[in-house]
Amino acid sequence: MKNTHTAAQSASNAIPPRRTRPPRLDWTAIAPSVAQLRRQGCSTRETARRLGLNIKTLEAHLRRHRIRHAIPMDRPDQVRRTCLNCDTAFVADGRFLRLCPDCRAMFS
């Protein structure tokens, strides 16, 4: 009988967990800027750099809210890439292309 009483008493005294500090970033203010930069075709790294965020923080936010890549692909053989030269996002026609069309034209 004592065990039942203790369990019922501890359940009534349970305090719901609460945050001890406010969140570090106000995502309601940052989200429109993130969406705009991704619509322009910026990669996640470039978006984080322009907004002054940590890349892992931005990746975690996008993953948590299930926000996918900004650039849609038309065919299944296309691959999303980040240019090795200028660090912009682009859709490559093959898996071995690592430079965006502008950088490829500049180096050829």
C-alpha atoms as a PDB file:
ATOM      1  CA  MET A   1       0.000   0.000   0.000  1.00  0.00           C
ATOM      2  CA  LYS A   2       2.882   2.344   0.767  1.00  0.00           C
ATOM      3  CA  ASN A   3       4.319   1.937  -2.742  1.00  0.00           C
ATOM      4  CA  THR A   4       1.024   2.981  -4.403  1.00  0.00           C
ATOM      5  CA  HIS A   5       0.735   6.046  -2.191  1.00  0.00           C
ATOM      6  CA  THR A   6       4.285   7.174  -3.013  1.00  0.00           C
ATOM      7  CA  ALA A   7       3.731   6.829  -6.776  1.00  0.00           C
ATOM      8  CA  ALA A   8       0.482   8.809  -6.656  1.00  0.00           C
ATOM      9  CA  GLN A   9       2.069  11.513  -4.515  1.00  0.00           C
ATOM     10  CA  SER A  10       5.101  11.896  -6.796  1.00  0.00           C
ATOM     11  CA  ALA A  11       2.838  12.135  -9.882  1.00  0.00           C
ATOM     12  CA  SER A  12       0.869  14.996  -8.340  1.00  0.00           C
ATOM     13  CA  ASN A  13       4.073  16.874  -7.409  1.00  0.00           C
ATOM     14  CA  ALA A  14       5.643  16.492 -10.873  1.00  0.00           C
ATOM     15  CA  ILE A  15       6.604  19.847 -12.373  1.00  0.00           C
ATOM     16  CA  PRO A  16       6.538  20.013 -16.164  1.00  0.00           C
ATOM     17  CA  PRO A  17       9.991  20.601 -17.675  1.00  0.00           C
ATOM     18  CA  ARG A  18      10.678  24.121 -18.848  1.00  0.00           C
ATOM     19  CA  ARG A  19      13.489  25.860 -20.634  1.00  0.00           C
ATOM     20  CA  THR A  20      15.984  27.522 -18.364  1.00  0.00           C
ATOM     21  CA  ARG A  21      17.147  30.012 -20.967  1.00  0.00           C
ATOM     22  CA  PRO A  22      15.562  31.560 -24.050  1.00  0.00           C
ATOM     23  CA  PRO A  23      16.496  30.215 -27.496  1.00  0.00           C
ATOM     24  CA  ARG A  24      19.670  31.757 -28.890  1.00  0.00           C
ATOM     25  CA  LEU A  25      18.247  32.568 -32.318  1.00  0.00           C
ATOM     26  CA  ASP A  26      14.906  34.093 -33.255  1.00  0.00           C
ATOM     27  CA  TRP A  27      13.984  31.870 -36.205  1.00  0.00           C
ATOM     28  CA  THR A  28      10.818  33.842 -36.922  1.00  0.00           C
ATOM     29  CA  ALA A  29      13.025  36.777 -37.915  1.00  0.00           C
ATOM     30  CA  ILE A  30      15.688  34.684 -39.686  1.00  0.00           C
ATOM     31  CA  ALA A  31      13.388  32.325 -41.651  1.00  0.00           C
ATOM     32  CA  PRO A  32      12.334  34.853 -44.359  1.00  0.00           C
ATOM     33  CA  SER A  33      15.985  35.680 -45.076  1.00  0.00           C
ATOM     34  CA  VAL A  34      16.864  31.980 -45.264  1.00  0.00           C
ATOM     35  CA  ALA A  35      13.977  31.324 -47.657  1.00  0.00           C
ATOM     36  CA  GLN A  36      14.944  34.255 -49.876  1.00  0.00           C
ATOM     37  CA  LEU A  37      18.601  33.217 -50.121  1.00  0.00           C
ATOM     38  CA  ARG A  38      17.663  29.609 -50.895  1.00  0.00           C
ATOM     39  CA  ARG A  39      15.254  30.780 -53.612  1.00  0.00           C
ATOM     40  CA  GLN A  40      18.160  32.710 -55.150  1.00  0.00           C
ATOM     41  CA  GLY A  41      20.057  29.422 -55.362  1.00  0.00           C
ATOM     42  CA  CYS A  42      22.515  29.868 -52.493  1.00  0.00           C
ATOM     43  CA  SER A  43      23.834  26.694 -50.924  1.00  0.00           C
ATOM     44  CA  THR A  44      23.340  25.998 -47.244  1.00  0.00           C
ATOM     45  CA  ARG A  45      26.950  26.971 -46.563  1.00  0.00           C
ATOM     46  CA  GLU A  46      26.612  30.254 -48.451  1.00  0.00           C
ATOM     47  CA  THR A  47      23.284  31.015 -46.729  1.00  0.00           C
ATOM     48  CA  ALA A  48      24.839  30.430 -43.306  1.00  0.00           C
ATOM     49  CA  ARG A  49      27.845  32.571 -44.192  1.00  0.00           C
ATOM     50  CA  ARG A  50      25.708  35.489 -45.397  1.00  0.00           C
ATOM     51  CA  LEU A  51      23.474  35.410 -42.315  1.00  0.00           C
ATOM     52  CA  GLY A  52      26.351  34.932 -39.872  1.00  0.00           C
ATOM     53  CA  LEU A  53      25.102  31.542 -38.657  1.00  0.00           C
ATOM     54  CA  ASN A  54      26.921  28.338 -37.904  1.00  0.00           C
ATOM     55  CA  ILE A  55      26.523  25.894 -40.804  1.00  0.00           C
ATOM     56  CA  LYS A  56      25.506  23.040 -38.484  1.00  0.00           C
ATOM     57  CA  THR A  57      22.891  25.222 -36.784  1.00  0.00           C
ATOM     58  CA  LEU A  58      21.299  26.071 -40.122  1.00  0.00           C
ATOM     59  CA  GLU A  59      21.455  22.454 -41.326  1.00  0.00           C
ATOM     60  CA  ALA A  60      19.770  21.274 -38.122  1.00  0.00           C
ATOM     61  CA  HIS A  61      17.021  23.876 -38.520  1.00  0.00           C
ATOM     62  CA  LEU A  62      16.375  22.912 -42.146  1.00  0.00           C
ATOM     63  CA  ARG A  63      16.351  19.224 -41.257  1.00  0.00           C
ATOM     64  CA  ARG A  64      14.053  19.771 -38.254  1.00  0.00           C
ATOM     65  CA  HIS A  65      11.525  21.634 -40.399  1.00  0.00           C
ATOM     66  CA  ARG A  66      11.951  19.271 -43.361  1.00  0.00           C
ATOM     67  CA  ILE A  67      13.000  22.040 -45.739  1.00  0.00           C
ATOM     68  CA  ARG A  68      14.500  20.437 -48.824  1.00  0.00           C
ATOM     69  CA  HIS A  69      16.855  21.734 -51.451  1.00  0.00           C
ATOM     70  CA  ALA A  70      16.072  25.058 -53.080  1.00  0.00           C
ATOM     71  CA  ILE A  71      16.894  23.975 -56.628  1.00  0.00           C
ATOM     72  CA  PRO A  72      14.474  21.473 -58.177  1.00  0.00           C
ATOM     73  CA  MET A  73      15.763  18.754 -60.488  1.00  0.00           C
ATOM     74  CA  ASP A  74      14.099  17.904 -63.800  1.00  0.00           C
ATOM     75  CA  ARG A  75      15.607  14.500 -64.583  1.00  0.00           C
ATOM     76  CA  PRO A  76      16.650  11.608 -62.353  1.00  0.00           C
ATOM     77  CA  ASP A  77      20.239  11.657 -63.689  1.00  0.00           C
ATOM     78  CA  GLN A  78      20.811  15.218 -62.446  1.00  0.00           C
ATOM     79  CA  VAL A  79      22.714  15.819 -59.199  1.00  0.00           C
ATOM     80  CA  ARG A  80      22.722  18.761 -56.800  1.00  0.00           C
ATOM     81  CA  ARG A  81      26.239  20.131 -56.387  1.00  0.00           C
ATOM     82  CA  THR A  82      28.100  23.000 -54.819  1.00  0.00           C
ATOM     83  CA  CYS A  83      30.703  24.576 -57.079  1.00  0.00           C
ATOM     84  CA  LEU A  84      34.257  23.938 -55.921  1.00  0.00           C
ATOM     85  CA  ASN A  85      35.355  27.352 -57.154  1.00  0.00           C
ATOM     86  CA  CYS A  86      32.621  29.849 -56.206  1.00  0.00           C
ATOM     87  CA  ASP A  87      30.625  27.752 -53.683  1.00  0.00           C
ATOM     88  CA  THR A  88      27.229  28.320 -55.342  1.00  0.00           C
ATOM     89  CA  ALA A  89      24.601  25.617 -55.633  1.00  0.00           C
ATOM     90  CA  PHE A  90      23.744  24.243 -59.074  1.00  0.00           C
ATOM     91  CA  VAL A  91      22.234  21.170 -60.691  1.00  0.00           C
ATOM     92  CA  ALA A  92      24.820  19.138 -62.601  1.00  0.00           C
ATOM     93  CA  ASP A  93      23.931  17.021 -65.609  1.00  0.00           C
ATOM     94  CA  GLY A  94      26.277  14.281 -64.451  1.00  0.00           C
ATOM     95  CA  ARG A  95      27.736  13.111 -61.204  1.00  0.00           C
ATOM     96  CA  PHE A  96      31.321  14.002 -62.136  1.00  0.00           C
ATOM     97  CA  LEU A  97      30.729  17.720 -62.788  1.00  0.00           C
ATOM     98  CA  ARG A  98      31.938  19.805 -59.849  1.00  0.00           C
ATOM     99  CA  LEU A  99      32.077  23.309 -61.349  1.00  0.00           C
ATOM    100  CA  CYS A 100      29.032  25.477 -62.078  1.00  0.00           C
ATOM    101  CA  PRO A 101      28.431  26.470 -65.719  1.00  0.00           C
ATOM    102  CA  ASP A 102      29.859  29.995 -65.149  1.00  0.00           C
ATOM    103  CA  CYS A 103      33.117  28.704 -63.664  1.00  0.00           C
ATOM    104  CA  ARG A 104      33.377  25.987 -66.306  1.00  0.00           C
ATOM    105  CA  ALA A 105      33.066  28.667 -69.025  1.00  0.00           C
ATOM    106  CA  MET A 106      35.647  30.825 -67.254  1.00  0.00           C
ATOM    107  CA  PHE A 107      38.234  28.019 -67.053  1.00  0.00           C
ATOM    108  CA  SER A 108      37.715  26.660 -70.580  1.00  0.00           C
END
